[in-house]
Amino acid sequence: MRTAGLLFFVALCALSVAASLKICAFNVQSFGESKANNRRVMEILLKVMSRYDVCLIQEVRDSKGEIIKALVKDLNRFDKSNSYSYVESERLGRKSYKEQYVYIYRNNVLKVKELYQYPKLAEEGNNETDVFSREPFIIRFHSPTTLVKDFVLIGQHTCPKTALKEIDELYTVVKGIYKKWKTDNVMILGDLNAGCSYVTIKGWKAVRLRSDPRFHWLIGDEEDTTVREKTHCAYDRIIVHGQEMRSGIVHGSAQPFNFKEKYHLTEAEALEVSDHFPVEVDLKPSHRYLLRNEL
C-alpha cells in the first residue's frame, strides 16, 4: 500500500509538471528577413518556441508583416499536438528605428480576452515627454487549466540608456491596468536591460517596482540571460504582482533557458539566433484539472 501511494504521488507530480502553463519572453535580436531566411536559425527557433504555451517575442523587425506569419505557420507544422496563433503590436520606436512585440500562444490552451497597446503620451493629449521608447504591449488571457484563471502579461523592451526610468514607469502601467481591468494578476516580462552598466545601486533605490514588496522579481540579479560567455548580466526579467499570481507560480521554475547548451551549439551558432536567452516561468495547474486527468 505504501508503494502504491508513493507511485500515485510520483505520477501526480509528473502530471503537474506536464500540465503547468509555460510562459517565456525572448528577445530574438533584430528578428528580420536575414534570420528568417537562415534555415538553421529557424529550426532552433521552432524548437525553442515549441516549449511554451505563450511567448513574448521582442525586436521583431518586419515592415512587410510576413516573418511572424511564416514562423507560426511552421510552428504549427512542427508541433502538430498544439495549435498556435499570434497577436502583434504596432511598429514602435522613435525616429526611423521601429520594432514590434509579438505574443505567440497555443490557442488550444489559452484564450485572449483583451489587448491593449499602452498609449504614447502625445496621443493622449499630454505635452510631457514620452517615458517609453517602445510602449508596453499588454494582453489579458483566460487559462482554464491553471490555478490563476485570468492574468495579464505586460511586455516591455526598454531602451538601455533610459532603462531605470522605464522600469520605474511600469509601476504606473500596472496601476492603470488595475483601473482598466480590475485585476491584480499581472506579470511583467521582457528585456528590461535590468543589469550590468545600465543599472546602479543608487538608481535601483528610486525604482518603485523594486521597493514595493507587492512586486516579486522571479529572475534575480545574479542570473545571466546573455549568450556571450564574456558577459554575465540579468537583462531579461519576469516580475509578478498580486498574491494570487505569486501563489500560482511553480516554485523554482523561473530561469533563463540556455538553448546553447540544450541544443549543443557553439557560441557563434547560438549568436546567430540571439545574444539573449529566453527567460521562462511556469504557472501551476488547477487541482480540479489534475484530478480529472488522473482519474
Protein backbone atom coordinates (compact mmCIF):
# COMPACT_ATOMS: atom_id res chain seq x y z
CA MET A 1 0.00 0.00 0.00
CA ARG A 2 2.87 2.33 0.82
CA THR A 3 4.45 1.62 -2.59
CA ALA A 4 1.14 2.23 -4.37
CA GLY A 5 0.74 5.55 -2.54
CA LEU A 6 4.27 6.60 -3.48
CA LEU A 7 3.66 5.72 -7.12
CA PHE A 8 0.45 7.76 -7.10
CA PHE A 9 2.31 10.74 -5.63
CA VAL A 10 5.10 10.47 -8.23
CA ALA A 11 2.55 10.18 -11.04
CA LEU A 12 0.65 13.21 -9.75
CA CYS A 13 3.86 15.25 -9.57
CA ALA A 14 4.78 14.25 -13.12
CA LEU A 15 1.31 15.18 -14.34
CA SER A 16 1.54 18.51 -12.53
CA VAL A 17 4.80 19.35 -14.33
CA ALA A 18 3.32 18.31 -17.67
CA ALA A 19 0.10 20.27 -17.10
CA SER A 20 1.71 23.53 -15.95
CA LEU A 21 1.49 26.53 -18.26
CA LYS A 22 4.88 27.64 -19.53
CA ILE A 23 5.46 31.33 -20.27
CA CYS A 24 8.52 32.98 -21.80
CA ALA A 25 9.98 36.25 -23.01
CA PHE A 26 12.59 36.13 -25.77
CA ASN A 27 14.50 39.00 -27.36
CA VAL A 28 15.35 37.47 -30.74
CA GLN A 29 17.71 40.36 -31.53
CA SER A 30 16.72 42.14 -34.71
CA PHE A 31 14.43 39.42 -36.00
CA GLY A 32 14.05 40.28 -39.66
CA GLU A 33 14.40 38.81 -43.14
CA SER A 34 18.03 37.78 -42.68
CA LYS A 35 17.26 35.46 -39.76
CA ALA A 36 14.02 34.29 -41.33
CA ASN A 37 15.98 33.13 -44.37
CA ASN A 38 18.53 31.25 -42.23
CA ARG A 39 17.24 27.68 -42.09
CA ARG A 40 19.39 26.68 -39.11
CA VAL A 41 18.25 29.69 -37.08
CA MET A 42 14.61 28.99 -37.84
CA GLU A 43 14.97 25.33 -36.87
CA ILE A 44 16.35 26.35 -33.47
CA LEU A 45 13.60 28.94 -33.02
CA LEU A 46 10.96 26.30 -33.71
CA LYS A 47 12.48 24.04 -31.04
CA VAL A 48 12.56 26.92 -28.56
CA MET A 49 9.05 28.15 -29.31
CA SER A 50 7.52 24.68 -29.07
CA ARG A 51 8.49 24.62 -25.36
CA TYR A 52 6.00 27.35 -24.48
CA ASP A 53 2.28 27.89 -24.16
CA VAL A 54 2.84 31.61 -24.66
CA CYS A 55 5.98 33.55 -25.50
CA LEU A 56 6.61 37.26 -25.89
CA ILE A 57 8.95 37.85 -28.84
CA GLN A 58 10.82 41.15 -28.93
CA GLU A 59 12.85 43.03 -31.53
CA VAL A 60 10.73 41.91 -34.46
CA ARG A 61 11.92 44.00 -37.42
CA ASP A 62 9.40 43.12 -40.11
CA SER A 63 7.91 46.01 -42.07
CA LYS A 64 6.19 43.63 -44.51
CA GLY A 65 4.41 41.62 -41.80
CA GLU A 66 5.44 38.26 -43.22
CA ILE A 67 8.09 36.83 -40.88
CA ILE A 68 5.95 36.06 -37.84
CA LYS A 69 3.17 34.71 -40.02
CA ALA A 70 5.65 32.27 -41.59
CA LEU A 71 7.14 31.34 -38.20
CA VAL A 72 3.75 30.50 -36.70
CA LYS A 73 2.78 28.52 -39.81
CA ASP A 74 5.98 26.48 -39.50
CA LEU A 75 5.42 26.09 -35.75
CA ASN A 76 2.01 24.54 -36.37
CA ARG A 77 3.63 22.06 -38.73
CA PHE A 78 6.47 21.35 -36.31
CA ASP A 79 4.27 20.79 -33.25
CA LYS A 80 1.13 19.08 -34.54
CA SER A 81 -0.10 18.32 -31.00
CA ASN A 82 -0.89 22.02 -30.47
CA SER A 83 -2.40 24.91 -32.38
CA TYR A 84 -0.59 28.27 -32.36
CA SER A 85 -1.82 31.80 -33.01
CA TYR A 86 -0.22 35.21 -32.53
CA VAL A 87 -1.00 38.84 -31.84
CA GLU A 88 1.36 41.66 -32.67
CA SER A 89 1.77 45.27 -31.65
CA GLU A 90 2.05 48.21 -33.96
CA ARG A 91 5.58 49.11 -35.06
CA LEU A 92 7.09 51.06 -32.18
CA GLY A 93 10.12 53.27 -31.70
CA ARG A 94 11.34 56.79 -32.01
CA LYS A 95 12.52 58.21 -35.32
CA SER A 96 13.33 55.65 -38.03
CA TYR A 97 14.10 52.64 -35.81
CA LYS A 98 10.98 50.52 -35.34
CA GLU A 99 10.28 47.12 -33.85
CA GLN A 100 7.29 45.08 -32.70
CA TYR A 101 6.22 42.94 -29.79
CA VAL A 102 4.56 39.63 -30.68
CA TYR A 103 2.83 37.12 -28.40
CA ILE A 104 2.80 33.60 -29.85
CA TYR A 105 0.43 31.34 -27.92
CA ARG A 106 -1.31 27.96 -28.02
CA ASN A 107 -4.93 28.72 -28.83
CA ASN A 108 -5.97 25.23 -27.71
CA VAL A 109 -4.76 26.15 -24.20
CA LEU A 110 -5.28 29.91 -23.86
CA LYS A 111 -7.93 32.39 -24.92
CA VAL A 112 -7.21 36.08 -25.50
CA LYS A 113 -9.67 38.22 -23.54
CA GLU A 114 -8.32 41.68 -24.30
CA LEU A 115 -5.39 43.51 -25.89
CA TYR A 116 -4.04 46.92 -25.00
CA GLN A 117 -1.31 48.90 -26.69
CA TYR A 118 -0.17 51.31 -23.99
CA PRO A 119 -0.64 54.82 -25.39
CA LYS A 120 2.00 57.34 -26.26
CA LEU A 121 1.55 60.44 -24.13
CA ALA A 122 1.34 62.57 -27.24
CA GLU A 123 -1.64 60.54 -28.40
CA GLU A 124 -3.31 61.17 -25.05
CA GLY A 125 -3.03 64.92 -25.49
CA ASN A 126 -0.24 65.14 -22.92
CA ASN A 127 2.62 67.54 -23.54
CA GLU A 128 5.03 65.62 -21.30
CA THR A 129 7.91 63.70 -22.84
CA ASP A 130 7.16 60.05 -23.54
CA VAL A 131 8.86 57.83 -20.97
CA PHE A 132 8.91 54.68 -23.10
CA SER A 133 10.93 54.29 -26.28
CA ARG A 134 8.65 51.34 -27.10
CA GLU A 135 5.36 51.45 -25.22
CA PRO A 136 4.33 48.23 -23.41
CA PHE A 137 2.16 45.74 -25.29
CA ILE A 138 -0.38 44.23 -22.90
CA ILE A 139 -2.50 41.10 -23.22
CA ARG A 140 -5.11 39.52 -20.96
CA PHE A 141 -5.51 35.74 -21.10
CA HIS A 142 -8.06 33.26 -19.82
CA SER A 143 -6.46 29.95 -18.81
CA PRO A 144 -8.98 27.23 -17.85
CA THR A 145 -6.38 24.67 -16.70
CA THR A 146 -4.33 26.77 -14.26
CA LEU A 147 -4.87 27.95 -10.69
CA VAL A 148 -4.82 31.54 -11.92
CA LYS A 149 -7.61 31.63 -14.49
CA ASP A 150 -7.28 35.23 -15.59
CA PHE A 151 -3.97 37.07 -15.89
CA VAL A 152 -2.30 39.96 -17.67
CA LEU A 153 1.10 39.98 -19.39
CA ILE A 154 2.86 43.32 -19.80
CA GLY A 155 5.57 43.01 -22.43
CA GLN A 156 8.34 45.59 -22.34
CA HIS A 157 11.67 46.13 -24.11
CA THR A 158 13.39 49.13 -22.57
CA CYS A 159 15.92 51.45 -24.14
CA PRO A 160 19.29 50.78 -22.44
CA LYS A 161 20.01 54.45 -21.81
CA THR A 162 16.70 55.01 -20.01
CA ALA A 163 16.18 51.51 -18.59
CA LEU A 164 15.71 52.50 -14.94
CA LYS A 165 13.29 55.29 -15.80
CA GLU A 166 11.22 52.96 -17.98
CA ILE A 167 11.24 50.15 -15.38
CA ASP A 168 10.03 52.60 -12.76
CA GLU A 169 7.23 53.81 -15.04
CA LEU A 170 5.91 50.24 -15.35
CA TYR A 171 4.60 50.80 -11.82
CA THR A 172 2.23 53.38 -13.27
CA VAL A 173 1.28 50.96 -16.05
CA VAL A 174 0.28 48.28 -13.53
CA LYS A 175 -1.86 50.78 -11.61
CA GLY A 176 -3.54 51.73 -14.88
CA ILE A 177 -4.23 48.08 -15.71
CA TYR A 178 -5.96 47.61 -12.36
CA LYS A 179 -8.10 50.65 -13.01
CA LYS A 180 -8.93 49.41 -16.51
CA TRP A 181 -9.48 45.68 -15.91
CA LYS A 182 -9.80 45.36 -12.10
CA THR A 183 -7.19 42.61 -11.80
CA ASP A 184 -4.05 42.25 -9.68
CA ASN A 185 -2.86 39.17 -11.60
CA VAL A 186 -0.07 40.81 -13.56
CA MET A 187 3.24 39.59 -14.97
CA ILE A 188 5.82 41.99 -16.42
CA LEU A 189 8.28 40.32 -18.77
CA GLY A 190 10.86 41.16 -21.37
CA ASP A 191 14.29 42.59 -21.99
CA LEU A 192 14.33 45.32 -19.37
CA ASN A 193 18.10 45.90 -19.71
CA ALA A 194 17.99 45.47 -15.94
CA GLY A 195 21.63 44.64 -15.31
CA CYS A 196 25.31 45.47 -15.63
CA SER A 197 26.15 49.01 -16.77
CA TYR A 198 22.54 50.01 -17.37
CA VAL A 199 21.61 49.98 -13.68
CA THR A 200 23.21 51.32 -10.49
CA ILE A 201 22.61 50.63 -6.79
CA LYS A 202 21.60 54.24 -6.31
CA GLY A 203 19.31 54.08 -9.33
CA TRP A 204 17.57 50.91 -8.12
CA LYS A 205 16.55 52.65 -4.90
CA ALA A 206 14.34 55.03 -6.86
CA VAL A 207 12.57 52.26 -8.83
CA ARG A 208 9.10 51.61 -7.42
CA LEU A 209 8.98 48.11 -8.90
CA ARG A 210 11.94 47.25 -6.65
CA SER A 211 10.90 48.99 -3.45
CA ASP A 212 7.25 47.90 -3.42
CA PRO A 213 7.02 44.40 -1.86
CA ARG A 214 3.92 43.62 -3.93
CA PHE A 215 6.23 43.11 -6.92
CA HIS A 216 8.18 39.85 -6.87
CA TRP A 217 11.23 39.55 -9.16
CA LEU A 218 11.42 35.93 -10.33
CA ILE A 219 14.64 36.35 -12.33
CA GLY A 220 17.23 37.58 -9.85
CA ASP A 221 20.14 39.97 -10.27
CA GLU A 222 22.62 37.09 -10.17
CA GLU A 223 21.19 35.36 -13.26
CA ASP A 224 22.82 35.52 -16.69
CA THR A 225 20.40 35.98 -19.58
CA THR A 226 23.12 36.62 -22.17
CA VAL A 227 24.59 34.18 -24.69
CA ARG A 228 28.14 35.52 -24.76
CA GLU A 229 30.47 33.85 -22.27
CA LYS A 230 32.27 37.12 -21.57
CA THR A 231 29.09 38.75 -20.25
CA HIS A 232 27.06 37.94 -17.15
CA CYS A 233 24.02 40.22 -16.99
CA ALA A 234 20.41 39.81 -15.90
CA TYR A 235 18.96 41.95 -18.66
CA ASP A 236 15.78 39.92 -19.15
CA ARG A 237 13.32 39.70 -16.27
CA ILE A 238 9.99 38.31 -15.14
CA ILE A 239 8.18 40.19 -12.37
CA VAL A 240 4.82 39.21 -10.87
CA HIS A 241 2.28 41.31 -8.98
CA GLY A 242 -0.65 40.17 -6.88
CA GLN A 243 -0.87 37.47 -4.24
CA GLU A 244 -2.89 35.09 -6.40
CA MET A 245 -0.41 35.40 -9.25
CA ARG A 246 2.55 34.89 -6.95
CA SER A 247 0.92 31.82 -5.37
CA GLY A 248 0.22 30.43 -8.83
CA ILE A 249 3.90 30.25 -9.85
CA VAL A 250 5.60 26.85 -9.84
CA HIS A 251 8.42 27.21 -7.31
CA GLY A 252 11.86 27.24 -8.92
CA SER A 253 10.55 27.30 -12.49
CA ALA A 254 11.70 30.84 -13.31
CA GLN A 255 15.04 30.74 -15.13
CA PRO A 256 16.88 31.58 -18.34
CA PHE A 257 16.64 28.81 -20.94
CA ASN A 258 20.16 28.10 -22.19
CA PHE A 259 19.41 26.92 -25.70
CA LYS A 260 23.13 26.93 -26.50
CA GLU A 261 23.75 24.06 -24.08
CA LYS A 262 20.41 22.34 -24.70
CA TYR A 263 20.94 22.07 -28.44
CA HIS A 264 24.74 21.68 -28.29
CA LEU A 265 25.58 24.88 -30.18
CA THR A 266 28.80 26.79 -30.34
CA GLU A 267 28.68 30.37 -29.12
CA ALA A 268 28.83 31.57 -32.74
CA GLU A 269 25.91 29.33 -33.72
CA ALA A 270 23.84 30.48 -30.74
CA LEU A 271 24.56 34.14 -31.51
CA GLU A 272 23.09 33.66 -34.97
CA VAL A 273 19.78 33.15 -33.15
CA SER A 274 20.16 35.87 -30.49
CA ASP A 275 22.52 37.35 -27.95
CA HIS A 276 19.82 36.77 -25.31
CA PHE A 277 18.46 33.59 -23.76
CA PRO A 278 14.70 33.36 -23.24
CA VAL A 279 13.51 33.69 -19.66
CA GLU A 280 10.71 31.34 -18.60
CA VAL A 281 8.33 30.50 -15.78
CA ASP A 282 5.51 28.01 -15.15
CA LEU A 283 2.02 28.55 -13.77
CA LYS A 284 0.57 25.83 -11.55
CA PRO A 285 -2.26 23.69 -12.95
CA SER A 286 -5.59 23.74 -11.14
CA HIS A 287 -6.28 20.89 -8.69
CA ARG A 288 -9.52 20.08 -10.49
CA TYR A 289 -7.65 19.72 -13.81
CA LEU A 290 -5.07 17.39 -12.21
CA LEU A 291 -7.69 15.21 -10.58
CA ARG A 292 -9.78 14.98 -13.72
CA ASN A 293 -6.77 13.86 -15.76
CA GLU A 294 -5.57 11.47 -13.07
CA LEU A 295 -8.96 9.78 -12.86
